[in-house]
Amino acid sequence: MLGGSVGFSTNDDFAPPYNYYSSKVKNITLSPTIGYFFNNHWQVGIRGQYHRGKSNQKWSNLTNTNSINNFTELLGLGAYVRRYIWMFDHLAFHIEASALYTQSISNTDSYDETNQKSQWRNTKFSKVLYLTPGFTLKVNKRIGIDLSTNLLRIGHDKDHIQDFNLNHGADEWQSNTFNAKLSNFEALLNDVQIGITIFI
């Protein structure tokens, strides 16, 4: 089985002009997949991941303006197991458990009210477990369409942060974080990914 998914999200927020705030976020994720069916209900495989994200935030009032710009790229490789529950001949609910290792680089620029620029770079190494529900629609014997979203994320992140603030020169430090996230209904809808599967 060959397949893959594409995820895209965007979010724009604005506040009244007398105390202005704006936030623009865009993300795209590509996940190519190679899998094997043991039978009509079980599938295992490996998956790559590429993510690209960009955000722009700005605060201003009558006298001051501050802004933060961020750009992130991520590469990852993992494995998964998926269970299909067929509701009809061509429509199935599926639940997937996956493990993923990723490396990302995030560059952030900020500007204060005097237009003083500060820069940070965060190199992150992550080991993550996902629980992902979704639906599969078989268009024909060879092609299927997947809709899925992330229900649960459990992970360990190791961050290497470099601070290039011009006020005090370069500085750097590391941190380790364990985290778990259970998505609510709104988060599930905002994180829907569309995939195409080719059965060979």
C-alpha atoms as a PDB file:
ATOM      1  CA  MET A   1       0.000   0.000   0.000  1.00  0.00           C
ATOM      2  CA  LEU A   2       1.254   3.465  -0.931  1.00  0.00           C
ATOM      3  CA  GLY A   3      -0.347   6.552   0.491  1.00  0.00           C
ATOM      4  CA  GLY A   4       0.027   9.906   2.106  1.00  0.00           C
ATOM      5  CA  SER A   5      -1.798  12.805   3.653  1.00  0.00           C
ATOM      6  CA  VAL A   6      -1.767  16.571   3.406  1.00  0.00           C
ATOM      7  CA  GLY A   7      -2.746  18.823   6.286  1.00  0.00           C
ATOM      8  CA  PHE A   8      -3.265  22.570   6.043  1.00  0.00           C
ATOM      9  CA  SER A   9      -4.416  24.997   8.708  1.00  0.00           C
ATOM     10  CA  THR A  10      -4.723  28.758   8.881  1.00  0.00           C
ATOM     11  CA  ASN A  11      -5.907  31.107  11.597  1.00  0.00           C
ATOM     12  CA  ASP A  12      -6.353  34.892  11.591  1.00  0.00           C
ATOM     13  CA  ASP A  13      -7.267  36.870  14.736  1.00  0.00           C
ATOM     14  CA  PHE A  14      -7.880  40.602  15.045  1.00  0.00           C
ATOM     15  CA  ALA A  15      -8.732  43.003  17.876  1.00  0.00           C
ATOM     16  CA  PRO A  16     -10.186  46.562  17.889  1.00  0.00           C
ATOM     17  CA  PRO A  17      -7.914  49.226  16.354  1.00  0.00           C
ATOM     18  CA  TYR A  18      -7.570  51.331  19.522  1.00  0.00           C
ATOM     19  CA  ASN A  19      -5.690  48.425  21.140  1.00  0.00           C
ATOM     20  CA  TYR A  20      -4.688  46.562  18.009  1.00  0.00           C
ATOM     21  CA  TYR A  21      -3.698  42.898  17.933  1.00  0.00           C
ATOM     22  CA  SER A  22      -3.357  40.637  14.908  1.00  0.00           C
ATOM     23  CA  SER A  23      -2.220  37.038  14.518  1.00  0.00           C
ATOM     24  CA  LYS A  24      -1.766  35.131  11.259  1.00  0.00           C
ATOM     25  CA  VAL A  25      -0.783  31.445  11.376  1.00  0.00           C
ATOM     26  CA  LYS A  26      -0.331  29.072   8.427  1.00  0.00           C
ATOM     27  CA  ASN A  27       0.775  25.423   8.586  1.00  0.00           C
ATOM     28  CA  ILE A  28       1.158  22.656   6.007  1.00  0.00           C
ATOM     29  CA  THR A  29       2.079  19.020   6.709  1.00  0.00           C
ATOM     30  CA  LEU A  30       2.975  16.252   4.212  1.00  0.00           C
ATOM     31  CA  SER A  31       3.095  12.586   5.319  1.00  0.00           C
ATOM     32  CA  PRO A  32       4.058   9.942   2.700  1.00  0.00           C
ATOM     33  CA  THR A  33       3.263   6.372   3.794  1.00  0.00           C
ATOM     34  CA  ILE A  34       4.232   2.799   2.877  1.00  0.00           C
ATOM     35  CA  GLY A  35       2.064   0.115   4.504  1.00  0.00           C
ATOM     36  CA  TYR A  36       1.130  -3.555   4.470  1.00  0.00           C
ATOM     37  CA  PHE A  37      -2.274  -5.161   5.094  1.00  0.00           C
ATOM     38  CA  PHE A  38      -2.272  -8.351   7.167  1.00  0.00           C
ATOM     39  CA  ASN A  39      -5.984  -8.699   6.444  1.00  0.00           C
ATOM     40  CA  ASN A  40      -9.015  -6.487   5.864  1.00  0.00           C
ATOM     41  CA  HIS A  41      -8.787  -5.029   9.398  1.00  0.00           C
ATOM     42  CA  TRP A  42      -5.096  -4.535  10.234  1.00  0.00           C
ATOM     43  CA  GLN A  43      -2.395  -2.457   8.563  1.00  0.00           C
ATOM     44  CA  VAL A  44       1.199  -1.653   9.594  1.00  0.00           C
ATOM     45  CA  GLY A  45       3.729   0.600   7.938  1.00  0.00           C
ATOM     46  CA  ILE A  46       6.260   3.414   8.033  1.00  0.00           C
ATOM     47  CA  ARG A  47       5.641   7.113   7.487  1.00  0.00           C
ATOM     48  CA  GLY A  48       7.709  10.199   6.779  1.00  0.00           C
ATOM     49  CA  GLN A  49       6.695  13.710   7.731  1.00  0.00           C
ATOM     50  CA  TYR A  50       7.475  17.213   6.515  1.00  0.00           C
ATOM     51  CA  HIS A  51       5.991  20.259   8.209  1.00  0.00           C
ATOM     52  CA  ARG A  52       6.299  23.938   7.367  1.00  0.00           C
ATOM     53  CA  GLY A  53       4.770  26.652   9.528  1.00  0.00           C
ATOM     54  CA  LYS A  54       4.727  30.433   9.602  1.00  0.00           C
ATOM     55  CA  SER A  55       3.210  32.876  12.086  1.00  0.00           C
ATOM     56  CA  ASN A  56       3.070  36.657  12.394  1.00  0.00           C
ATOM     57  CA  GLN A  57       1.845  38.485  15.499  1.00  0.00           C
ATOM     58  CA  LYS A  58       1.576  42.222  16.090  1.00  0.00           C
ATOM     59  CA  TRP A  59       0.489  44.317  19.086  1.00  0.00           C
ATOM     60  CA  SER A  60       0.017  48.073  18.974  1.00  0.00           C
ATOM     61  CA  ASN A  61      -1.694  50.940  20.749  1.00  0.00           C
ATOM     62  CA  LEU A  62      -1.589  54.682  20.180  1.00  0.00           C
ATOM     63  CA  THR A  63       2.128  54.936  21.006  1.00  0.00           C
ATOM     64  CA  ASN A  64       3.858  51.525  20.707  1.00  0.00           C
ATOM     65  CA  THR A  65       4.074  48.591  18.292  1.00  0.00           C
ATOM     66  CA  ASN A  66       5.567  45.133  18.947  1.00  0.00           C
ATOM     67  CA  SER A  67       5.733  42.149  16.608  1.00  0.00           C
ATOM     68  CA  ILE A  68       6.935  38.528  16.494  1.00  0.00           C
ATOM     69  CA  ASN A  69       7.591  36.513  13.316  1.00  0.00           C
ATOM     70  CA  ASN A  70       8.252  32.767  13.350  1.00  0.00           C
ATOM     71  CA  PHE A  71       9.207  30.231  10.672  1.00  0.00           C
ATOM     72  CA  THR A  72       9.484  26.477  11.363  1.00  0.00           C
ATOM     73  CA  GLU A  73      10.513  23.442   9.282  1.00  0.00           C
ATOM     74  CA  LEU A  74      10.322  19.828  10.490  1.00  0.00           C
ATOM     75  CA  LEU A  75      11.407  16.409   9.195  1.00  0.00           C
ATOM     76  CA  GLY A  76      10.356  13.110  10.761  1.00  0.00           C
ATOM     77  CA  LEU A  77      10.193   9.328  10.363  1.00  0.00           C
ATOM     78  CA  GLY A  78       8.000   6.842  12.208  1.00  0.00           C
ATOM     79  CA  ALA A  79       5.966   3.629  12.254  1.00  0.00           C
ATOM     80  CA  TYR A  80       2.259   2.951  12.767  1.00  0.00           C
ATOM     81  CA  VAL A  81      -0.396   0.277  13.211  1.00  0.00           C
ATOM     82  CA  ARG A  82      -3.996   0.879  12.110  1.00  0.00           C
ATOM     83  CA  ARG A  83      -7.227  -0.980  12.903  1.00  0.00           C
ATOM     84  CA  TYR A  84     -10.136  -0.727  10.445  1.00  0.00           C
ATOM     85  CA  ILE A  85     -13.777  -1.183  11.460  1.00  0.00           C
ATOM     86  CA  TRP A  86     -15.829  -1.506   8.288  1.00  0.00           C
ATOM     87  CA  MET A  87     -19.289   0.029   8.608  1.00  0.00           C
ATOM     88  CA  PHE A  88     -20.164  -0.507   4.933  1.00  0.00           C
ATOM     89  CA  ASP A  89     -18.381  -2.161   2.006  1.00  0.00           C
ATOM     90  CA  HIS A  90     -16.645   1.087   1.049  1.00  0.00           C
ATOM     91  CA  LEU A  91     -16.581   3.059   4.325  1.00  0.00           C
ATOM     92  CA  ALA A  92     -14.562   2.285   7.454  1.00  0.00           C
ATOM     93  CA  PHE A  93     -13.783   3.946  10.768  1.00  0.00           C
ATOM     94  CA  HIS A  94     -10.140   3.545  11.712  1.00  0.00           C
ATOM     95  CA  ILE A  95      -8.037   4.136  14.796  1.00  0.00           C
ATOM     96  CA  GLU A  96      -4.270   4.444  14.442  1.00  0.00           C
ATOM     97  CA  ALA A  97      -1.396   4.323  16.932  1.00  0.00           C
ATOM     98  CA  SER A  98       1.937   5.692  15.735  1.00  0.00           C
ATOM     99  CA  ALA A  99       5.413   6.562  16.976  1.00  0.00           C
ATOM    100  CA  LEU A 100       7.378   9.370  15.334  1.00  0.00           C
ATOM    101  CA  TYR A 101      10.872  10.838  15.666  1.00  0.00           C
ATOM    102  CA  THR A 102      11.282  14.383  14.373  1.00  0.00           C
ATOM    103  CA  GLN A 103      13.834  17.176  14.140  1.00  0.00           C
ATOM    104  CA  SER A 104      12.729  20.761  13.612  1.00  0.00           C
ATOM    105  CA  ILE A 105      14.369  24.163  13.331  1.00  0.00           C
ATOM    106  CA  SER A 106      12.387  27.239  14.326  1.00  0.00           C
ATOM    107  CA  ASN A 107      13.609  30.792  13.724  1.00  0.00           C
ATOM    108  CA  THR A 108      11.943  33.684  15.552  1.00  0.00           C
ATOM    109  CA  ASP A 109      12.404  37.437  15.092  1.00  0.00           C
ATOM    110  CA  SER A 110      10.833  40.007  17.417  1.00  0.00           C
ATOM    111  CA  TYR A 111      10.687  43.798  17.242  1.00  0.00           C
ATOM    112  CA  ASP A 112       9.949  46.054  20.210  1.00  0.00           C
ATOM    113  CA  GLU A 113       8.468  49.556  20.243  1.00  0.00           C
ATOM    114  CA  THR A 114      11.869  51.054  19.315  1.00  0.00           C
ATOM    115  CA  ASN A 115      12.180  48.608  16.379  1.00  0.00           C
ATOM    116  CA  GLN A 116      15.001  46.819  18.208  1.00  0.00           C
ATOM    117  CA  LYS A 117      15.364  43.333  16.700  1.00  0.00           C
ATOM    118  CA  SER A 118      15.907  40.127  18.706  1.00  0.00           C
ATOM    119  CA  GLN A 119      16.493  36.678  17.194  1.00  0.00           C
ATOM    120  CA  TRP A 120      16.108  33.122  18.507  1.00  0.00           C
ATOM    121  CA  ARG A 121      16.690  29.715  16.972  1.00  0.00           C
ATOM    122  CA  ASN A 122      15.233  26.546  18.494  1.00  0.00           C
ATOM    123  CA  THR A 123      16.476  23.146  17.284  1.00  0.00           C
ATOM    124  CA  LYS A 124      14.046  20.551  18.623  1.00  0.00           C
ATOM    125  CA  PHE A 125      14.321  16.747  18.751  1.00  0.00           C
ATOM    126  CA  SER A 126      11.032  14.997  19.533  1.00  0.00           C
ATOM    127  CA  LYS A 127       9.870  11.447  20.226  1.00  0.00           C
ATOM    128  CA  VAL A 128       6.080  11.321  20.012  1.00  0.00           C
ATOM    129  CA  LEU A 129       3.238   8.813  20.331  1.00  0.00           C
ATOM    130  CA  TYR A 130      -0.048   9.628  18.562  1.00  0.00           C
ATOM    131  CA  LEU A 131      -3.563   8.213  18.709  1.00  0.00           C
ATOM    132  CA  THR A 132      -5.411   9.182  15.532  1.00  0.00           C
ATOM    133  CA  PRO A 133      -9.040   8.377  14.632  1.00  0.00           C
ATOM    134  CA  GLY A 134     -10.531   8.847  11.187  1.00  0.00           C
ATOM    135  CA  PHE A 135     -12.540   7.495   8.277  1.00  0.00           C
ATOM    136  CA  THR A 136     -11.530   5.718   5.063  1.00  0.00           C
ATOM    137  CA  LEU A 137     -13.677   5.823   1.921  1.00  0.00           C
ATOM    138  CA  LYS A 138     -12.777   3.355  -0.850  1.00  0.00           C
ATOM    139  CA  VAL A 139     -13.505   5.042  -4.173  1.00  0.00           C
ATOM    140  CA  ASN A 140     -12.711   1.757  -5.954  1.00  0.00           C
ATOM    141  CA  LYS A 141     -10.562  -1.331  -5.363  1.00  0.00           C
ATOM    142  CA  ARG A 142      -7.335   0.625  -5.833  1.00  0.00           C
ATOM    143  CA  ILE A 143      -7.953   4.078  -4.362  1.00  0.00           C
ATOM    144  CA  GLY A 144      -9.083   5.189  -0.914  1.00  0.00           C
ATOM    145  CA  ILE A 145      -9.538   8.610   0.692  1.00  0.00           C
ATOM    146  CA  ASP A 146      -8.685   9.133   4.383  1.00  0.00           C
ATOM    147  CA  LEU A 147      -9.909  11.825   6.773  1.00  0.00           C
ATOM    148  CA  SER A 148      -8.098  11.794  10.125  1.00  0.00           C
ATOM    149  CA  THR A 149      -7.234  14.005  13.092  1.00  0.00           C
ATOM    150  CA  ASN A 150      -4.975  13.786  16.154  1.00  0.00           C
ATOM    151  CA  LEU A 151      -6.849  12.835  19.318  1.00  0.00           C
ATOM    152  CA  LEU A 152      -3.919  12.243  21.704  1.00  0.00           C
ATOM    153  CA  ARG A 153      -0.262  13.277  21.682  1.00  0.00           C
ATOM    154  CA  ILE A 154       2.309  12.077  24.225  1.00  0.00           C
ATOM    155  CA  GLY A 155       5.884  13.133  23.708  1.00  0.00           C
ATOM    156  CA  HIS A 156       9.358  14.072  24.857  1.00  0.00           C
ATOM    157  CA  ASP A 157      10.953  17.210  23.423  1.00  0.00           C
ATOM    158  CA  LYS A 158      14.618  18.176  23.690  1.00  0.00           C
ATOM    159  CA  ASP A 159      15.204  21.827  22.797  1.00  0.00           C
ATOM    160  CA  HIS A 160      18.484  23.542  21.972  1.00  0.00           C
ATOM    161  CA  ILE A 161      17.773  27.284  22.026  1.00  0.00           C
ATOM    162  CA  GLN A 162      20.134  29.963  20.731  1.00  0.00           C
ATOM    163  CA  ASP A 163      19.496  33.598  21.609  1.00  0.00           C
ATOM    164  CA  PHE A 164      21.044  36.142  19.231  1.00  0.00           C
ATOM    165  CA  ASN A 165      19.781  39.211  21.083  1.00  0.00           C
ATOM    166  CA  LEU A 166      21.909  42.125  19.944  1.00  0.00           C
ATOM    167  CA  ASN A 167      21.833  43.678  23.417  1.00  0.00           C
ATOM    168  CA  HIS A 168      24.001  41.038  25.059  1.00  0.00           C
ATOM    169  CA  GLY A 169      25.431  38.842  22.290  1.00  0.00           C
ATOM    170  CA  ALA A 170      24.750  35.179  21.591  1.00  0.00           C
ATOM    171  CA  ASP A 171      23.592  32.831  24.343  1.00  0.00           C
ATOM    172  CA  GLU A 172      22.263  29.254  24.332  1.00  0.00           C
ATOM    173  CA  TRP A 173      20.701  26.640  26.602  1.00  0.00           C
ATOM    174  CA  GLN A 174      18.900  23.288  26.512  1.00  0.00           C
ATOM    175  CA  SER A 175      15.680  21.944  27.996  1.00  0.00           C
ATOM    176  CA  ASN A 176      13.810  18.625  28.199  1.00  0.00           C
ATOM    177  CA  THR A 177      10.009  18.467  28.289  1.00  0.00           C
ATOM    178  CA  PHE A 178       7.518  15.629  28.694  1.00  0.00           C
ATOM    179  CA  ASN A 179       3.980  16.473  27.629  1.00  0.00           C
ATOM    180  CA  ALA A 180       0.576  14.992  26.854  1.00  0.00           C
ATOM    181  CA  LYS A 181      -2.253  16.644  24.936  1.00  0.00           C
ATOM    182  CA  LEU A 182      -5.829  15.439  24.534  1.00  0.00           C
ATOM    183  CA  SER A 183      -7.629  17.401  21.817  1.00  0.00           C
ATOM    184  CA  ASN A 184     -11.063  18.903  22.401  1.00  0.00           C
ATOM    185  CA  PHE A 185     -13.746  18.983  19.700  1.00  0.00           C
ATOM    186  CA  GLU A 186     -12.623  22.315  18.246  1.00  0.00           C
ATOM    187  CA  ALA A 187      -8.989  21.176  18.077  1.00  0.00           C
ATOM    188  CA  LEU A 188     -10.044  17.956  16.330  1.00  0.00           C
ATOM    189  CA  LEU A 189     -11.840  19.921  13.616  1.00  0.00           C
ATOM    190  CA  ASN A 190      -8.922  22.343  13.169  1.00  0.00           C
ATOM    191  CA  ASP A 191      -6.408  19.499  12.688  1.00  0.00           C
ATOM    192  CA  VAL A 192      -8.144  17.403  10.019  1.00  0.00           C
ATOM    193  CA  GLN A 193      -5.798  15.802   7.471  1.00  0.00           C
ATOM    194  CA  ILE A 194      -6.799  14.467   4.056  1.00  0.00           C
ATOM    195  CA  GLY A 195      -4.980  11.432   2.665  1.00  0.00           C
ATOM    196  CA  ILE A 196      -5.042   9.304  -0.486  1.00  0.00           C
ATOM    197  CA  THR A 197      -4.246   5.584  -0.362  1.00  0.00           C
ATOM    198  CA  ILE A 198      -3.293   3.450  -3.380  1.00  0.00           C
ATOM    199  CA  PHE A 199      -3.796  -0.276  -2.783  1.00  0.00           C
ATOM    200  CA  ILE A 200      -1.235  -2.399  -4.671  1.00  0.00           C
END
